[in-house]
C-alpha atoms as a PDB file:
ATOM      1  CA  UNK A   1      -4.315   4.075 -14.497  1.00  0.00           C
ATOM      2  CA  UNK A   2      -6.010   1.528 -12.270  1.00  0.00           C
ATOM      3  CA  UNK A   3      -4.970  -2.072 -12.912  1.00  0.00           C
ATOM      4  CA  UNK A   4      -8.317  -3.649 -13.818  1.00  0.00           C
ATOM      5  CA  UNK A   5      -7.147  -7.225 -13.171  1.00  0.00           C
ATOM      6  CA  UNK A   6      -6.092  -6.181  -9.680  1.00  0.00           C
ATOM      7  CA  UNK A   7      -9.469  -4.592  -9.005  1.00  0.00           C
ATOM      8  CA  UNK A   8     -11.300  -7.677 -10.262  1.00  0.00           C
ATOM      9  CA  UNK A   9      -9.226  -9.845  -7.921  1.00  0.00           C
ATOM     10  CA  UNK A  10     -10.063  -7.460  -5.088  1.00  0.00           C
ATOM     11  CA  UNK A  11     -13.777  -7.699  -5.838  1.00  0.00           C
ATOM     12  CA  UNK A  12     -13.582 -11.489  -5.973  1.00  0.00           C
ATOM     13  CA  UNK A  13     -11.654 -11.615  -2.700  1.00  0.00           C
ATOM     14  CA  UNK A  14     -14.325  -9.716  -0.805  1.00  0.00           C
ATOM     15  CA  UNK A  15     -17.389 -10.874  -2.738  1.00  0.00           C
ATOM     16  CA  UNK A  16     -18.408 -13.389  -0.084  1.00  0.00           C
ATOM     17  CA  UNK A  17     -18.173 -10.752   2.639  1.00  0.00           C
ATOM     18  CA  UNK A  18     -20.202  -8.288   0.598  1.00  0.00           C
ATOM     19  CA  UNK A  19     -22.786 -10.973  -0.139  1.00  0.00           C
ATOM     20  CA  UNK A  20     -23.073 -11.634   3.594  1.00  0.00           C
ATOM     21  CA  UNK A  21     -23.727  -7.942   4.299  1.00  0.00           C
ATOM     22  CA  UNK A  22     -26.383  -7.811   1.579  1.00  0.00           C
ATOM     23  CA  UNK A  23     -27.988 -10.992   2.913  1.00  0.00           C
ATOM     24  CA  UNK A  24     -28.222  -9.493   6.408  1.00  0.00           C
ATOM     25  CA  UNK A  25     -29.765  -6.282   5.075  1.00  0.00           C
ATOM     26  CA  UNK A  26     -32.343  -8.151   3.034  1.00  0.00           C
ATOM     27  CA  UNK A  27     -33.172 -10.248   6.102  1.00  0.00           C
ATOM     28  CA  UNK A  28     -33.729  -6.995   8.065  1.00  0.00           C
ATOM     29  CA  UNK A  29     -30.799  -7.898  10.306  1.00  0.00           C
ATOM     30  CA  UNK A  30     -29.389  -4.404  10.047  1.00  0.00           C
ATOM     31  CA  UNK A  31     -27.525  -4.300  13.347  1.00  0.00           C
ATOM     32  CA  UNK A  32     -25.756  -7.533  12.441  1.00  0.00           C
ATOM     33  CA  UNK A  33     -24.848  -5.995   9.067  1.00  0.00           C
ATOM     34  CA  UNK A  34     -23.411  -2.910  10.775  1.00  0.00           C
ATOM     35  CA  UNK A  35     -21.371  -5.070  13.154  1.00  0.00           C
ATOM     36  CA  UNK A  36     -19.934  -7.022  10.228  1.00  0.00           C
ATOM     37  CA  UNK A  37     -19.092  -3.853   8.287  1.00  0.00           C
ATOM     38  CA  UNK A  38     -17.386  -2.367  11.330  1.00  0.00           C
ATOM     39  CA  UNK A  39     -15.337  -5.541  11.707  1.00  0.00           C
ATOM     40  CA  UNK A  40     -14.258  -5.244   8.069  1.00  0.00           C
ATOM     41  CA  UNK A  41     -13.123  -1.659   8.744  1.00  0.00           C
ATOM     42  CA  UNK A  42     -11.066  -2.925  11.684  1.00  0.00           C
ATOM     43  CA  UNK A  43      -9.545  -5.734   9.641  1.00  0.00           C
ATOM     44  CA  UNK A  44      -8.530  -3.333   6.872  1.00  0.00           C
ATOM     45  CA  UNK A  45      -7.332  -0.250   8.763  1.00  0.00           C
ATOM     46  CA  UNK A  46      -7.319  -1.339  12.404  1.00  0.00           C
ATOM     47  CA  UNK A  47      -9.880   1.388  13.176  1.00  0.00           C
ATOM     48  CA  UNK A  48     -13.648   1.428  13.533  1.00  0.00           C
ATOM     49  CA  UNK A  49     -16.124   3.328  11.399  1.00  0.00           C
ATOM     50  CA  UNK A  50     -17.005   5.965  13.995  1.00  0.00           C
ATOM     51  CA  UNK A  51     -13.365   6.968  14.388  1.00  0.00           C
ATOM     52  CA  UNK A  52     -12.842   7.102  10.622  1.00  0.00           C
ATOM     53  CA  UNK A  53     -15.792   9.496  10.371  1.00  0.00           C
ATOM     54  CA  UNK A  54     -14.373  11.905  12.952  1.00  0.00           C
ATOM     55  CA  UNK A  55     -10.858  12.323  11.567  1.00  0.00           C
ATOM     56  CA  UNK A  56     -10.128  14.957   8.889  1.00  0.00           C
ATOM     57  CA  UNK A  57     -10.491  13.705   5.319  1.00  0.00           C
ATOM     58  CA  UNK A  58      -6.803  14.284   4.608  1.00  0.00           C
ATOM     59  CA  UNK A  59      -5.932  11.962   7.498  1.00  0.00           C
ATOM     60  CA  UNK A  60      -8.326   9.352   6.124  1.00  0.00           C
ATOM     61  CA  UNK A  61      -6.658   9.649   2.712  1.00  0.00           C
ATOM     62  CA  UNK A  62      -3.259   9.194   4.359  1.00  0.00           C
ATOM     63  CA  UNK A  63      -4.482   5.877   5.776  1.00  0.00           C
ATOM     64  CA  UNK A  64      -5.135   4.542   2.271  1.00  0.00           C
ATOM     65  CA  UNK A  65      -1.734   5.531   0.914  1.00  0.00           C
ATOM     66  CA  UNK A  66       1.605   3.783   0.810  1.00  0.00           C
ATOM     67  CA  UNK A  67       4.182   6.512   1.353  1.00  0.00           C
ATOM     68  CA  UNK A  68       2.817   9.187  -1.032  1.00  0.00           C
ATOM     69  CA  UNK A  69       1.032   6.881  -3.471  1.00  0.00           C
ATOM     70  CA  UNK A  70      -2.626   5.970  -3.227  1.00  0.00           C
ATOM     71  CA  UNK A  71      -3.258   2.301  -2.434  1.00  0.00           C
ATOM     72  CA  UNK A  72      -6.076   2.065  -4.965  1.00  0.00           C
ATOM     73  CA  UNK A  73      -7.353  -1.295  -3.765  1.00  0.00           C
ATOM     74  CA  UNK A  74      -7.568  -0.241  -0.145  1.00  0.00           C
ATOM     75  CA  UNK A  75      -9.098   3.111  -1.104  1.00  0.00           C
ATOM     76  CA  UNK A  76     -11.844   1.449  -3.159  1.00  0.00           C
ATOM     77  CA  UNK A  77     -12.523  -1.150  -0.474  1.00  0.00           C
ATOM     78  CA  UNK A  78     -12.953   1.474   2.259  1.00  0.00           C
ATOM     79  CA  UNK A  79     -15.130   3.539  -0.098  1.00  0.00           C
ATOM     80  CA  UNK A  80     -17.303   0.498  -0.699  1.00  0.00           C
ATOM     81  CA  UNK A  81     -17.592  -0.215   3.043  1.00  0.00           C
ATOM     82  CA  UNK A  82     -18.706   3.361   3.722  1.00  0.00           C
ATOM     83  CA  UNK A  83     -21.243   3.024   0.912  1.00  0.00           C
ATOM     84  CA  UNK A  84     -22.612  -0.235   2.339  1.00  0.00           C
ATOM     85  CA  UNK A  85     -22.766   1.267   5.819  1.00  0.00           C
ATOM     86  CA  UNK A  86     -24.572   4.317   4.501  1.00  0.00           C
ATOM     87  CA  UNK A  87     -27.028   2.079   2.655  1.00  0.00           C
ATOM     88  CA  UNK A  88     -27.706   0.150   5.849  1.00  0.00           C
ATOM     89  CA  UNK A  89     -28.480   3.327   7.784  1.00  0.00           C
ATOM     90  CA  UNK A  90     -30.645   4.381   4.846  1.00  0.00           C
ATOM     91  CA  UNK A  91     -32.580   1.119   5.275  1.00  0.00           C
ATOM     92  CA  UNK A  92     -33.166   2.154   8.889  1.00  0.00           C
ATOM     93  CA  UNK A  93     -34.242   5.657   7.775  1.00  0.00           C
ATOM     94  CA  UNK A  94     -31.409   7.121   9.857  1.00  0.00           C
ATOM     95  CA  UNK A  95     -30.481   9.558   7.125  1.00  0.00           C
ATOM     96  CA  UNK A  96     -28.369  11.823   9.341  1.00  0.00           C
ATOM     97  CA  UNK A  97     -26.034   8.858   9.792  1.00  0.00           C
ATOM     98  CA  UNK A  98     -26.013   7.751   6.169  1.00  0.00           C
ATOM     99  CA  UNK A  99     -25.039  11.211   4.858  1.00  0.00           C
ATOM    100  CA  UNK A 100     -21.490  11.453   6.315  1.00  0.00           C
ATOM    101  CA  UNK A 101     -20.766   7.890   5.226  1.00  0.00           C
ATOM    102  CA  UNK A 102     -21.910   8.593   1.684  1.00  0.00           C
ATOM    103  CA  UNK A 103     -19.793  11.736   1.667  1.00  0.00           C
ATOM    104  CA  UNK A 104     -16.646   9.874   2.696  1.00  0.00           C
ATOM    105  CA  UNK A 105     -17.427   7.048   0.299  1.00  0.00           C
ATOM    106  CA  UNK A 106     -17.716   9.446  -2.636  1.00  0.00           C
ATOM    107  CA  UNK A 107     -14.463  11.221  -1.803  1.00  0.00           C
ATOM    108  CA  UNK A 108     -12.564   7.925  -1.677  1.00  0.00           C
ATOM    109  CA  UNK A 109     -14.158   6.581  -4.852  1.00  0.00           C
ATOM    110  CA  UNK A 110     -13.258   9.795  -6.680  1.00  0.00           C
ATOM    111  CA  UNK A 111      -9.670   9.759  -5.452  1.00  0.00           C
ATOM    112  CA  UNK A 112      -9.279   6.306  -7.001  1.00  0.00           C
ATOM    113  CA  UNK A 113     -11.230   6.601 -10.252  1.00  0.00           C
ATOM    114  CA  UNK A 114      -9.748   9.987 -11.160  1.00  0.00           C
ATOM    115  CA  UNK A 115      -6.576   8.015 -11.842  1.00  0.00           C
ATOM    116  CA  UNK A 116      -8.447   6.451 -14.764  1.00  0.00           C
ATOM    117  CA  UNK A 117      -8.226   8.063 -18.187  1.00  0.00           C
ATOM    118  CA  UNK A 118     -12.017   7.775 -18.443  1.00  0.00           C
ATOM    119  CA  UNK A 119     -13.844   7.205 -15.126  1.00  0.00           C
ATOM    120  CA  UNK A 120     -16.898   6.037 -17.086  1.00  0.00           C
ATOM    121  CA  UNK A 121     -15.020   2.792 -17.610  1.00  0.00           C
ATOM    122  CA  UNK A 122     -14.498   2.271 -13.890  1.00  0.00           C
ATOM    123  CA  UNK A 123     -16.035  -0.816 -12.300  1.00  0.00           C
ATOM    124  CA  UNK A 124     -17.423   1.573  -9.680  1.00  0.00           C
ATOM    125  CA  UNK A 125     -18.994   4.105 -12.052  1.00  0.00           C
ATOM    126  CA  UNK A 126     -22.533   3.056 -11.014  1.00  0.00           C
ATOM    127  CA  UNK A 127     -21.743   3.484  -7.307  1.00  0.00           C
ATOM    128  CA  UNK A 128     -20.334   6.971  -7.895  1.00  0.00           C
ATOM    129  CA  UNK A 129     -23.336   8.054  -9.931  1.00  0.00           C
ATOM    130  CA  UNK A 130     -25.682   6.771  -7.227  1.00  0.00           C
ATOM    131  CA  UNK A 131     -23.739   8.632  -4.533  1.00  0.00           C
ATOM    132  CA  UNK A 132     -23.878  11.855  -6.550  1.00  0.00           C
ATOM    133  CA  UNK A 133     -27.661  11.505  -6.711  1.00  0.00           C
ATOM    134  CA  UNK A 134     -27.982  10.688  -3.012  1.00  0.00           C
ATOM    135  CA  UNK A 135     -25.831  13.682  -2.020  1.00  0.00           C
ATOM    136  CA  UNK A 136     -27.291  16.160  -4.511  1.00  0.00           C
ATOM    137  CA  UNK A 137     -29.716  17.572  -1.928  1.00  0.00           C
ATOM    138  CA  UNK A 138     -26.935  18.444   0.536  1.00  0.00           C
ATOM    139  CA  UNK A 139     -24.373  21.237   0.783  1.00  0.00           C
ATOM    140  CA  UNK A 140     -20.974  19.622   0.317  1.00  0.00           C
ATOM    141  CA  UNK A 141     -17.492  20.827   1.348  1.00  0.00           C
ATOM    142  CA  UNK A 142     -15.326  22.592  -1.199  1.00  0.00           C
ATOM    143  CA  UNK A 143     -12.604  19.885  -1.432  1.00  0.00           C
ATOM    144  CA  UNK A 144     -15.205  17.270  -2.349  1.00  0.00           C
ATOM    145  CA  UNK A 145     -16.886  19.604  -4.840  1.00  0.00           C
ATOM    146  CA  UNK A 146     -13.580  20.212  -6.614  1.00  0.00           C
ATOM    147  CA  UNK A 147     -13.115  16.457  -7.002  1.00  0.00           C
ATOM    148  CA  UNK A 148     -16.672  16.243  -8.352  1.00  0.00           C
ATOM    149  CA  UNK A 149     -15.799  19.026 -10.808  1.00  0.00           C
ATOM    150  CA  UNK A 150     -12.813  17.045 -12.083  1.00  0.00           C
ATOM    151  CA  UNK A 151     -14.913  13.883 -12.295  1.00  0.00           C
ATOM    152  CA  UNK A 152     -17.579  15.581 -14.389  1.00  0.00           C
ATOM    153  CA  UNK A 153     -14.898  17.134 -16.580  1.00  0.00           C
ATOM    154  CA  UNK A 154     -13.187  13.785 -17.176  1.00  0.00           C
ATOM    155  CA  UNK A 155     -16.535  12.219 -18.062  1.00  0.00           C
ATOM    156  CA  UNK A 156     -17.272  14.991 -20.567  1.00  0.00           C
ATOM    157  CA  UNK A 157     -20.035  16.734 -18.600  1.00  0.00           C
ATOM    158  CA  UNK A 158     -18.652  20.260 -18.720  1.00  0.00           C
ATOM    159  CA  UNK A 159     -21.798  22.141 -17.694  1.00  0.00           C
ATOM    160  CA  UNK A 160     -22.093  19.999 -14.547  1.00  0.00           C
ATOM    161  CA  UNK A 161     -18.383  20.469 -13.887  1.00  0.00           C
ATOM    162  CA  UNK A 162     -18.854  24.247 -14.007  1.00  0.00           C
ATOM    163  CA  UNK A 163     -21.806  24.001 -11.612  1.00  0.00           C
ATOM    164  CA  UNK A 164     -19.643  22.046  -9.158  1.00  0.00           C
ATOM    165  CA  UNK A 165     -16.855  24.633  -9.487  1.00  0.00           C
ATOM    166  CA  UNK A 166     -19.080  27.589  -8.577  1.00  0.00           C
ATOM    167  CA  UNK A 167     -20.749  25.610  -5.798  1.00  0.00           C
ATOM    168  CA  UNK A 168     -17.265  25.003  -4.384  1.00  0.00           C
ATOM    169  CA  UNK A 169     -16.393  28.700  -4.682  1.00  0.00           C
ATOM    170  CA  UNK A 170     -19.536  29.614  -2.733  1.00  0.00           C
ATOM    171  CA  UNK A 171     -18.975  26.984  -0.032  1.00  0.00           C
ATOM    172  CA  UNK A 172     -18.061  28.265   3.461  1.00  0.00           C
ATOM    173  CA  UNK A 173     -14.713  26.425   3.352  1.00  0.00           C
ATOM    174  CA  UNK A 174     -13.670  27.633  -0.106  1.00  0.00           C
ATOM    175  CA  UNK A 175     -10.172  29.036  -0.594  1.00  0.00           C
ATOM    176  CA  UNK A 176      -8.391  31.379  -2.997  1.00  0.00           C
ATOM    177  CA  UNK A 177      -6.702  28.335  -4.540  1.00  0.00           C
ATOM    178  CA  UNK A 178     -10.059  27.435  -6.076  1.00  0.00           C
ATOM    179  CA  UNK A 179      -9.837  30.426  -8.404  1.00  0.00           C
ATOM    180  CA  UNK A 180      -6.616  29.017  -9.844  1.00  0.00           C
ATOM    181  CA  UNK A 181      -8.314  25.662 -10.299  1.00  0.00           C
ATOM    182  CA  UNK A 182     -11.216  27.408 -12.007  1.00  0.00           C
ATOM    183  CA  UNK A 183      -8.923  29.233 -14.419  1.00  0.00           C
ATOM    184  CA  UNK A 184      -7.143  25.963 -15.207  1.00  0.00           C
ATOM    185  CA  UNK A 185     -10.527  24.323 -15.824  1.00  0.00           C
ATOM    186  CA  UNK A 186     -11.537  26.955 -18.378  1.00  0.00           C
ATOM    187  CA  UNK A 187      -8.088  26.817 -19.977  1.00  0.00           C
ATOM    188  CA  UNK A 188      -8.557  23.078 -20.535  1.00  0.00           C
ATOM    189  CA  UNK A 189     -11.988  23.706 -22.039  1.00  0.00           C
ATOM    190  CA  UNK A 190     -10.521  26.273 -24.425  1.00  0.00           C
ATOM    191  CA  UNK A 191      -8.493  23.429 -25.886  1.00  0.00           C
ATOM    192  CA  UNK A 192     -11.663  21.472 -26.747  1.00  0.00           C
ATOM    193  CA  UNK A 193     -13.327  21.525 -30.144  1.00  0.00           C
ATOM    194  CA  UNK A 194     -16.799  22.998 -30.567  1.00  0.00           C
ATOM    195  CA  UNK A 195     -18.142  19.478 -31.080  1.00  0.00           C
ATOM    196  CA  UNK A 196     -16.581  18.276 -27.819  1.00  0.00           C
ATOM    197  CA  UNK A 197     -18.016  21.248 -25.956  1.00  0.00           C
ATOM    198  CA  UNK A 198     -21.480  20.682 -27.429  1.00  0.00           C
ATOM    199  CA  UNK A 199     -21.327  17.038 -26.355  1.00  0.00           C
ATOM    200  CA  UNK A 200     -20.660  18.284 -22.822  1.00  0.00           C
ATOM    201  CA  UNK A 201     -23.568  20.749 -22.987  1.00  0.00           C
ATOM    202  CA  UNK A 202     -21.180  23.693 -23.248  1.00  0.00           C
ATOM    203  CA  UNK A 203     -19.980  26.303 -25.756  1.00  0.00           C
ATOM    204  CA  UNK A 204     -17.092  28.765 -26.353  1.00  0.00           C
ATOM    205  CA  UNK A 205     -19.427  31.593 -25.311  1.00  0.00           C
ATOM    206  CA  UNK A 206     -20.062  29.910 -21.976  1.00  0.00           C
ATOM    207  CA  UNK A 207     -16.319  29.607 -21.406  1.00  0.00           C
ATOM    208  CA  UNK A 208     -16.012  33.396 -21.779  1.00  0.00           C
ATOM    209  CA  UNK A 209     -19.016  33.976 -19.520  1.00  0.00           C
ATOM    210  CA  UNK A 210     -17.702  31.554 -16.920  1.00  0.00           C
ATOM    211  CA  UNK A 211     -14.276  33.197 -16.872  1.00  0.00           C
ATOM    212  CA  UNK A 212     -15.899  36.615 -16.487  1.00  0.00           C
ATOM    213  CA  UNK A 213     -18.016  35.356 -13.582  1.00  0.00           C
ATOM    214  CA  UNK A 214     -14.941  33.773 -12.019  1.00  0.00           C
ATOM    215  CA  UNK A 215     -12.983  37.033 -12.217  1.00  0.00           C
ATOM    216  CA  UNK A 216     -15.900  39.037 -10.794  1.00  0.00           C
ATOM    217  CA  UNK A 217     -16.237  36.648  -7.888  1.00  0.00           C
ATOM    218  CA  UNK A 218     -12.502  36.774  -7.270  1.00  0.00           C
ATOM    219  CA  UNK A 219     -12.482  40.584  -7.327  1.00  0.00           C
ATOM    220  CA  UNK A 220     -15.445  40.728  -4.947  1.00  0.00           C
ATOM    221  CA  UNK A 221     -13.692  38.433  -2.501  1.00  0.00           C
ATOM    222  CA  UNK A 222     -10.524  40.513  -2.585  1.00  0.00           C
ATOM    223  CA  UNK A 223     -12.381  43.780  -2.044  1.00  0.00           C
ATOM    224  CA  UNK A 224     -12.574  44.839   1.612  1.00  0.00           C
ATOM    225  CA  UNK A 225     -16.101  45.154   2.997  1.00  0.00           C
ATOM    226  CA  UNK A 226     -17.430  48.684   2.850  1.00  0.00           C
ATOM    227  CA  UNK A 227     -17.701  50.498   6.145  1.00  0.00           C
ATOM    228  CA  UNK A 228     -21.122  51.773   7.094  1.00  0.00           C
END
């Protein structure tokens, strides 16, 4: 679980810097805001934003870990910087540049808040929900969609979790491992009461239907294409 006192100290530590970025944006000094954000990236990881966007996500995650453990504070701070940078490009209507930053921001936020028992209680719940809305119009990679699935599941939104699962399975970069994750997802739902499922806009019947769809999709993927 995330240490809330630690996160509050982190927020306080950087509050003046964040306020400066927001002041620059509101003053329409967007280039100055981007320069400041990039400097904060360099101070934190020793790398600039453009480089952090080009490296694989797993490499980015390795940069916010200490040995094999996630450095939650650093992960949240970098997620917040990507969010602020994406917002600044959004101000400039340069949406093609805001999208990859929002995508990386969401992945990092999810990596951190999924350590919480209930992510709804996270201090960054509002940022995550906003990012989900901003990215809802885009096709997202399978690894991110699986994290979204887990996030929706942990926040009791089982129908949305199932939607994210099948979107991940249909993504170009999906893998066979996703079927195992899907089966585990439905197994966890089978342990829920009817009342819990109803609260998540789901039902026992939909668990059976979802499992059947999952098995059909898995069988179709394993079947060799027919020769014409």
